[in-house]
Amino acid sequence: MKGFSGFNNSPMKQNNDREKKIAQNTEFNAYARKEGILPTFNSTEEKEKWYSNKANVNMLNRKQAEYFKNK
């Protein structure tokens, strides 16, 4: 079976672009919360409202690019 490990038929671990992006976002979000760039959300509605504002998303993307450029 191609794509499965032979031992327990679980899918093989693949390190694709999506997984790398998720890992980077997780790392940056922890940093952003610590620095106060990204607020802590109490509800899904607050989170959706914050991310629906394009200025917030653009600022977050700029800060994330800057973070990984300087790292």
PDB file of N, CA and C in Angstrom:
ATOM      1  N   MET A   1       0.836  -1.179   0.000  1.00  0.00           N
ATOM      2  CA  MET A   1       0.000   0.000   0.000  1.00  0.00           C
ATOM      3  C   MET A   1       0.881   1.242   0.000  1.00  0.00           C
ATOM      4  N   LYS A   2       0.864   1.941  -1.075  1.00  0.00           N
ATOM      5  CA  LYS A   2       1.671   3.147  -1.193  1.00  0.00           C
ATOM      6  C   LYS A   2       1.046   4.247  -0.326  1.00  0.00           C
ATOM      7  N   GLY A   3       1.885   4.957   0.416  1.00  0.00           N
ATOM      8  CA  GLY A   3       1.405   6.048   1.246  1.00  0.00           C
ATOM      9  C   GLY A   3       1.086   5.641   2.671  1.00  0.00           C
ATOM     10  N   PHE A   4       1.238   4.352   2.988  1.00  0.00           N
ATOM     11  CA  PHE A   4       0.970   3.889   4.336  1.00  0.00           C
ATOM     12  C   PHE A   4       2.216   3.216   4.888  1.00  0.00           C
ATOM     13  N   SER A   5       2.436   3.374   6.176  1.00  0.00           N
ATOM     14  CA  SER A   5       3.551   2.664   6.793  1.00  0.00           C
ATOM     15  C   SER A   5       3.151   1.207   6.940  1.00  0.00           C
ATOM     16  N   GLY A   6       4.086   0.330   6.870  1.00  0.00           N
ATOM     17  CA  GLY A   6       3.783  -1.089   6.881  1.00  0.00           C
ATOM     18  C   GLY A   6       3.393  -1.631   8.240  1.00  0.00           C
ATOM     19  N   PHE A   7       3.695  -0.907   9.300  1.00  0.00           N
ATOM     20  CA  PHE A   7       3.502  -1.478  10.624  1.00  0.00           C
ATOM     21  C   PHE A   7       2.056  -1.455  11.096  1.00  0.00           C
ATOM     22  N   ASN A   8       1.410  -0.306  11.053  1.00  0.00           N
ATOM     23  CA  ASN A   8       0.056  -0.231  11.605  1.00  0.00           C
ATOM     24  C   ASN A   8      -0.960   0.390  10.642  1.00  0.00           C
ATOM     25  N   ASN A   9      -0.643   0.435   9.374  1.00  0.00           N
ATOM     26  CA  ASN A   9      -1.532   0.987   8.340  1.00  0.00           C
ATOM     27  C   ASN A   9      -1.967   2.427   8.588  1.00  0.00           C
ATOM     28  N   SER A  10      -1.193   3.174   9.345  1.00  0.00           N
ATOM     29  CA  SER A  10      -1.507   4.589   9.519  1.00  0.00           C
ATOM     30  C   SER A  10      -0.830   5.373   8.402  1.00  0.00           C
ATOM     31  N   PRO A  11      -1.404   6.500   8.000  1.00  0.00           N
ATOM     32  CA  PRO A  11      -0.768   7.299   6.934  1.00  0.00           C
ATOM     33  C   PRO A  11       0.629   7.729   7.347  1.00  0.00           C
ATOM     34  N   MET A  12       1.524   7.756   6.376  1.00  0.00           N
ATOM     35  CA  MET A  12       2.893   8.174   6.653  1.00  0.00           C
ATOM     36  C   MET A  12       2.919   9.673   6.917  1.00  0.00           C
ATOM     37  N   LYS A  13       3.810  10.082   7.788  1.00  0.00           N
ATOM     38  CA  LYS A  13       3.957  11.496   8.107  1.00  0.00           C
ATOM     39  C   LYS A  13       4.583  12.206   6.917  1.00  0.00           C
ATOM     40  N   GLN A  14       3.901  13.208   6.414  1.00  0.00           N
ATOM     41  CA  GLN A  14       4.422  13.986   5.302  1.00  0.00           C
ATOM     42  C   GLN A  14       4.575  15.424   5.750  1.00  0.00           C
ATOM     43  N   ASN A  15       5.679  16.018   5.403  1.00  0.00           N
ATOM     44  CA  ASN A  15       5.940  17.395   5.785  1.00  0.00           C
ATOM     45  C   ASN A  15       5.699  18.283   4.562  1.00  0.00           C
ATOM     46  N   ASN A  16       4.445  18.537   4.262  1.00  0.00           N
ATOM     47  CA  ASN A  16       4.120  19.319   3.078  1.00  0.00           C
ATOM     48  C   ASN A  16       3.987  20.804   3.424  1.00  0.00           C
ATOM     49  N   ASP A  17       3.713  21.621   2.436  1.00  0.00           N
ATOM     50  CA  ASP A  17       3.641  23.071   2.620  1.00  0.00           C
ATOM     51  C   ASP A  17       2.557  23.476   3.606  1.00  0.00           C
ATOM     52  N   ARG A  18       1.420  22.799   3.566  1.00  0.00           N
ATOM     53  CA  ARG A  18       0.317  23.134   4.477  1.00  0.00           C
ATOM     54  C   ARG A  18       0.733  22.913   5.929  1.00  0.00           C
ATOM     55  N   GLU A  19       1.394  21.798   6.211  1.00  0.00           N
ATOM     56  CA  GLU A  19       1.837  21.514   7.571  1.00  0.00           C
ATOM     57  C   GLU A  19       2.893  22.515   8.031  1.00  0.00           C
ATOM     58  N   LYS A  20       3.776  22.927   7.133  1.00  0.00           N
ATOM     59  CA  LYS A  20       4.786  23.935   7.480  1.00  0.00           C
ATOM     60  C   LYS A  20       4.120  25.260   7.813  1.00  0.00           C
ATOM     61  N   LYS A  21       3.114  25.648   7.024  1.00  0.00           N
ATOM     62  CA  LYS A  21       2.409  26.905   7.264  1.00  0.00           C
ATOM     63  C   LYS A  21       1.681  26.873   8.610  1.00  0.00           C
ATOM     64  N   ILE A  22       1.055  25.743   8.913  1.00  0.00           N
ATOM     65  CA  ILE A  22       0.357  25.607  10.193  1.00  0.00           C
ATOM     66  C   ILE A  22       1.353  25.717  11.346  1.00  0.00           C
ATOM     67  N   ALA A  23       2.505  25.086  11.209  1.00  0.00           N
ATOM     68  CA  ALA A  23       3.532  25.148  12.252  1.00  0.00           C
ATOM     69  C   ALA A  23       4.039  26.575  12.437  1.00  0.00           C
ATOM     70  N   GLN A  24       4.256  27.283  11.325  1.00  0.00           N
ATOM     71  CA  GLN A  24       4.701  28.676  11.416  1.00  0.00           C
ATOM     72  C   GLN A  24       3.636  29.548  12.063  1.00  0.00           C
ATOM     73  N   ASN A  25       2.373  29.354  11.676  1.00  0.00           N
ATOM     74  CA  ASN A  25       1.299  30.150  12.261  1.00  0.00           C
ATOM     75  C   ASN A  25       1.182  29.895  13.755  1.00  0.00           C
ATOM     76  N   THR A  26       1.317  28.647  14.167  1.00  0.00           N
ATOM     77  CA  THR A  26       1.241  28.307  15.584  1.00  0.00           C
ATOM     78  C   THR A  26       2.376  28.972  16.346  1.00  0.00           C
ATOM     79  N   GLU A  27       3.576  28.913  15.793  1.00  0.00           N
ATOM     80  CA  GLU A  27       4.738  29.536  16.439  1.00  0.00           C
ATOM     81  C   GLU A  27       4.558  31.044  16.526  1.00  0.00           C
ATOM     82  N   PHE A  28       4.143  31.668  15.422  1.00  0.00           N
ATOM     83  CA  PHE A  28       3.996  33.122  15.420  1.00  0.00           C
ATOM     84  C   PHE A  28       2.850  33.569  16.323  1.00  0.00           C
ATOM     85  N   ASN A  29       1.730  32.843  16.330  1.00  0.00           N
ATOM     86  CA  ASN A  29       0.596  33.244  17.158  1.00  0.00           C
ATOM     87  C   ASN A  29       0.966  33.255  18.632  1.00  0.00           C
ATOM     88  N   ALA A  30       1.768  32.301  19.073  1.00  0.00           N
ATOM     89  CA  ALA A  30       2.220  32.300  20.471  1.00  0.00           C
ATOM     90  C   ALA A  30       3.067  33.544  20.742  1.00  0.00           C
ATOM     91  N   TYR A  31       3.964  33.872  19.817  1.00  0.00           N
ATOM     92  CA  TYR A  31       4.790  35.072  19.950  1.00  0.00           C
ATOM     93  C   TYR A  31       3.924  36.335  19.935  1.00  0.00           C
ATOM     94  N   ALA A  32       2.955  36.382  19.015  1.00  0.00           N
ATOM     95  CA  ALA A  32       2.114  37.571  18.870  1.00  0.00           C
ATOM     96  C   ALA A  32       1.258  37.805  20.118  1.00  0.00           C
ATOM     97  N   ARG A  33       0.759  36.740  20.712  1.00  0.00           N
ATOM     98  CA  ARG A  33      -0.021  36.898  21.953  1.00  0.00           C
ATOM     99  C   ARG A  33       0.864  37.405  23.086  1.00  0.00           C
ATOM    100  N   LYS A  34       2.097  36.885  23.159  1.00  0.00           N
ATOM    101  CA  LYS A  34       3.029  37.302  24.199  1.00  0.00           C
ATOM    102  C   LYS A  34       3.390  38.777  24.054  1.00  0.00           C
ATOM    103  N   GLU A  35       3.554  39.232  22.800  1.00  0.00           N
ATOM    104  CA  GLU A  35       3.918  40.627  22.534  1.00  0.00           C
ATOM    105  C   GLU A  35       2.717  41.577  22.533  1.00  0.00           C
ATOM    106  N   GLY A  36       1.510  41.038  22.557  1.00  0.00           N
ATOM    107  CA  GLY A  36       0.323  41.881  22.569  1.00  0.00           C
ATOM    108  C   GLY A  36      -0.167  42.274  21.186  1.00  0.00           C
ATOM    109  N   ILE A  37       0.372  41.660  20.139  1.00  0.00           N
ATOM    110  CA  ILE A  37      -0.056  41.952  18.770  1.00  0.00           C
ATOM    111  C   ILE A  37      -1.410  41.307  18.508  1.00  0.00           C
ATOM    112  N   LEU A  38      -1.574  40.086  18.985  1.00  0.00           N
ATOM    113  CA  LEU A  38      -2.793  39.316  18.770  1.00  0.00           C
ATOM    114  C   LEU A  38      -3.530  39.202  20.095  1.00  0.00           C
ATOM    115  N   PRO A  39      -4.780  39.668  20.160  1.00  0.00           N
ATOM    116  CA  PRO A  39      -5.509  39.590  21.425  1.00  0.00           C
ATOM    117  C   PRO A  39      -5.932  38.161  21.755  1.00  0.00           C
ATOM    118  N   THR A  40      -6.230  37.936  23.015  1.00  0.00           N
ATOM    119  CA  THR A  40      -6.791  36.660  23.449  1.00  0.00           C
ATOM    120  C   THR A  40      -8.302  36.775  23.318  1.00  0.00           C
ATOM    121  N   PHE A  41      -8.898  35.827  22.631  1.00  0.00           N
ATOM    122  CA  PHE A  41     -10.327  35.888  22.348  1.00  0.00           C
ATOM    123  C   PHE A  41     -11.101  35.056  23.355  1.00  0.00           C
ATOM    124  N   ASN A  42     -12.235  35.604  23.828  1.00  0.00           N
ATOM    125  CA  ASN A  42     -13.090  34.895  24.776  1.00  0.00           C
ATOM    126  C   ASN A  42     -14.176  34.099  24.076  1.00  0.00           C
ATOM    127  N   SER A  43     -14.471  34.446  22.842  1.00  0.00           N
ATOM    128  CA  SER A  43     -15.533  33.741  22.119  1.00  0.00           C
ATOM    129  C   SER A  43     -15.195  33.687  20.633  1.00  0.00           C
ATOM    130  N   THR A  44     -15.887  32.812  19.952  1.00  0.00           N
ATOM    131  CA  THR A  44     -15.698  32.670  18.509  1.00  0.00           C
ATOM    132  C   THR A  44     -16.135  33.939  17.789  1.00  0.00           C
ATOM    133  N   GLU A  45     -17.170  34.584  18.301  1.00  0.00           N
ATOM    134  CA  GLU A  45     -17.659  35.818  17.669  1.00  0.00           C
ATOM    135  C   GLU A  45     -16.600  36.910  17.696  1.00  0.00           C
ATOM    136  N   GLU A  46     -15.915  37.052  18.834  1.00  0.00           N
ATOM    137  CA  GLU A  46     -14.848  38.053  18.929  1.00  0.00           C
ATOM    138  C   GLU A  46     -13.732  37.753  17.923  1.00  0.00           C
ATOM    139  N   LYS A  47     -13.374  36.488  17.835  1.00  0.00           N
ATOM    140  CA  LYS A  47     -12.312  36.074  16.919  1.00  0.00           C
ATOM    141  C   LYS A  47     -12.711  36.347  15.474  1.00  0.00           C
ATOM    142  N   GLU A  48     -13.942  35.986  15.103  1.00  0.00           N
ATOM    143  CA  GLU A  48     -14.419  36.232  13.733  1.00  0.00           C
ATOM    144  C   GLU A  48     -14.465  37.711  13.427  1.00  0.00           C
ATOM    145  N   LYS A  49     -14.901  38.524  14.386  1.00  0.00           N
ATOM    146  CA  LYS A  49     -14.979  39.972  14.176  1.00  0.00           C
ATOM    147  C   LYS A  49     -13.578  40.564  13.986  1.00  0.00           C
ATOM    148  N   TRP A  50     -12.603  40.120  14.785  1.00  0.00           N
ATOM    149  CA  TRP A  50     -11.248  40.639  14.683  1.00  0.00           C
ATOM    150  C   TRP A  50     -10.621  40.259  13.348  1.00  0.00           C
ATOM    151  N   TYR A  51     -10.772  38.991  12.943  1.00  0.00           N
ATOM    152  CA  TYR A  51     -10.177  38.529  11.691  1.00  0.00           C
ATOM    153  C   TYR A  51     -10.935  39.028  10.466  1.00  0.00           C
ATOM    154  N   SER A  52     -12.171  39.469  10.604  1.00  0.00           N
ATOM    155  CA  SER A  52     -12.912  39.990   9.453  1.00  0.00           C
ATOM    156  C   SER A  52     -12.464  41.408   9.093  1.00  0.00           C
ATOM    157  N   ASN A  53     -11.770  42.076  10.008  1.00  0.00           N
ATOM    158  CA  ASN A  53     -11.236  43.405   9.738  1.00  0.00           C
ATOM    159  C   ASN A  53      -9.929  43.255   8.956  1.00  0.00           C
ATOM    160  N   LYS A  54      -9.926  43.688   7.702  1.00  0.00           N
ATOM    161  CA  LYS A  54      -8.760  43.497   6.830  1.00  0.00           C
ATOM    162  C   LYS A  54      -7.523  44.217   7.342  1.00  0.00           C
ATOM    163  N   ALA A  55      -7.700  45.335   8.020  1.00  0.00           N
ATOM    164  CA  ALA A  55      -6.552  46.060   8.559  1.00  0.00           C
ATOM    165  C   ALA A  55      -5.834  45.213   9.611  1.00  0.00           C
ATOM    166  N   ASN A  56      -6.599  44.508  10.440  1.00  0.00           N
ATOM    167  CA  ASN A  56      -5.994  43.626  11.449  1.00  0.00           C
ATOM    168  C   ASN A  56      -5.227  42.486  10.788  1.00  0.00           C
ATOM    169  N   VAL A  57      -5.826  41.878   9.780  1.00  0.00           N
ATOM    170  CA  VAL A  57      -5.201  40.746   9.093  1.00  0.00           C
ATOM    171  C   VAL A  57      -3.939  41.202   8.364  1.00  0.00           C
ATOM    172  N   ASN A  58      -4.000  42.342   7.688  1.00  0.00           N
ATOM    173  CA  ASN A  58      -2.820  42.864   6.983  1.00  0.00           C
ATOM    174  C   ASN A  58      -1.693  43.175   7.954  1.00  0.00           C
ATOM    175  N   MET A  59      -2.028  43.782   9.101  1.00  0.00           N
ATOM    176  CA  MET A  59      -1.023  44.094  10.116  1.00  0.00           C
ATOM    177  C   MET A  59      -0.401  42.808  10.644  1.00  0.00           C
ATOM    178  N   LEU A  60      -1.222  41.799  10.891  1.00  0.00           N
ATOM    179  CA  LEU A  60      -0.724  40.522  11.390  1.00  0.00           C
ATOM    180  C   LEU A  60       0.187  39.842  10.370  1.00  0.00           C
ATOM    181  N   ASN A  61      -0.191  39.888   9.095  1.00  0.00           N
ATOM    182  CA  ASN A  61       0.643  39.305   8.031  1.00  0.00           C
ATOM    183  C   ASN A  61       1.982  40.020   7.907  1.00  0.00           C
ATOM    184  N   ARG A  62       1.979  41.352   8.018  1.00  0.00           N
ATOM    185  CA  ARG A  62       3.233  42.116   7.964  1.00  0.00           C
ATOM    186  C   ARG A  62       4.145  41.749   9.133  1.00  0.00           C
ATOM    187  N   LYS A  63       3.561  41.693  10.329  1.00  0.00           N
ATOM    188  CA  LYS A  63       4.349  41.359  11.517  1.00  0.00           C
ATOM    189  C   LYS A  63       4.909  39.943  11.427  1.00  0.00           C
ATOM    190  N   GLN A  64       4.110  39.020  10.870  1.00  0.00           N
ATOM    191  CA  GLN A  64       4.569  37.645  10.745  1.00  0.00           C
ATOM    192  C   GLN A  64       5.724  37.556   9.733  1.00  0.00           C
ATOM    193  N   ALA A  65       5.611  38.242   8.619  1.00  0.00           N
ATOM    194  CA  ALA A  65       6.691  38.249   7.628  1.00  0.00           C
ATOM    195  C   ALA A  65       7.957  38.847   8.231  1.00  0.00           C
ATOM    196  N   GLU A  66       7.801  39.912   8.981  1.00  0.00           N
ATOM    197  CA  GLU A  66       8.939  40.567   9.641  1.00  0.00           C
ATOM    198  C   GLU A  66       9.573  39.626  10.673  1.00  0.00           C
ATOM    199  N   TYR A  67       8.737  38.917  11.429  1.00  0.00           N
ATOM    200  CA  TYR A  67       9.223  37.981  12.452  1.00  0.00           C
ATOM    201  C   TYR A  67      10.083  36.890  11.839  1.00  0.00           C
ATOM    202  N   PHE A  68       9.621  36.277  10.748  1.00  0.00           N
ATOM    203  CA  PHE A  68      10.371  35.175  10.147  1.00  0.00           C
ATOM    204  C   PHE A  68      11.558  35.676   9.333  1.00  0.00           C
ATOM    205  N   LYS A  69      11.505  36.923   8.850  1.00  0.00           N
ATOM    206  CA  LYS A  69      12.649  37.488   8.129  1.00  0.00           C
ATOM    207  C   LYS A  69      13.809  37.735   9.105  1.00  0.00           C
ATOM    208  N   ASN A  70      13.472  38.193  10.299  1.00  0.00           N
ATOM    209  CA  ASN A  70      14.502  38.522  11.290  1.00  0.00           C
ATOM    210  C   ASN A  70      14.934  37.331  12.129  1.00  0.00           C
ATOM    211  N   LYS A  71      14.269  36.220  11.987  1.00  0.00           N
ATOM    212  CA  LYS A  71      14.569  35.059  12.820  1.00  0.00           C
ATOM    213  C   LYS A  71      15.794  34.331  12.377  1.00  0.00           C
TER     214      LYS A  71
END
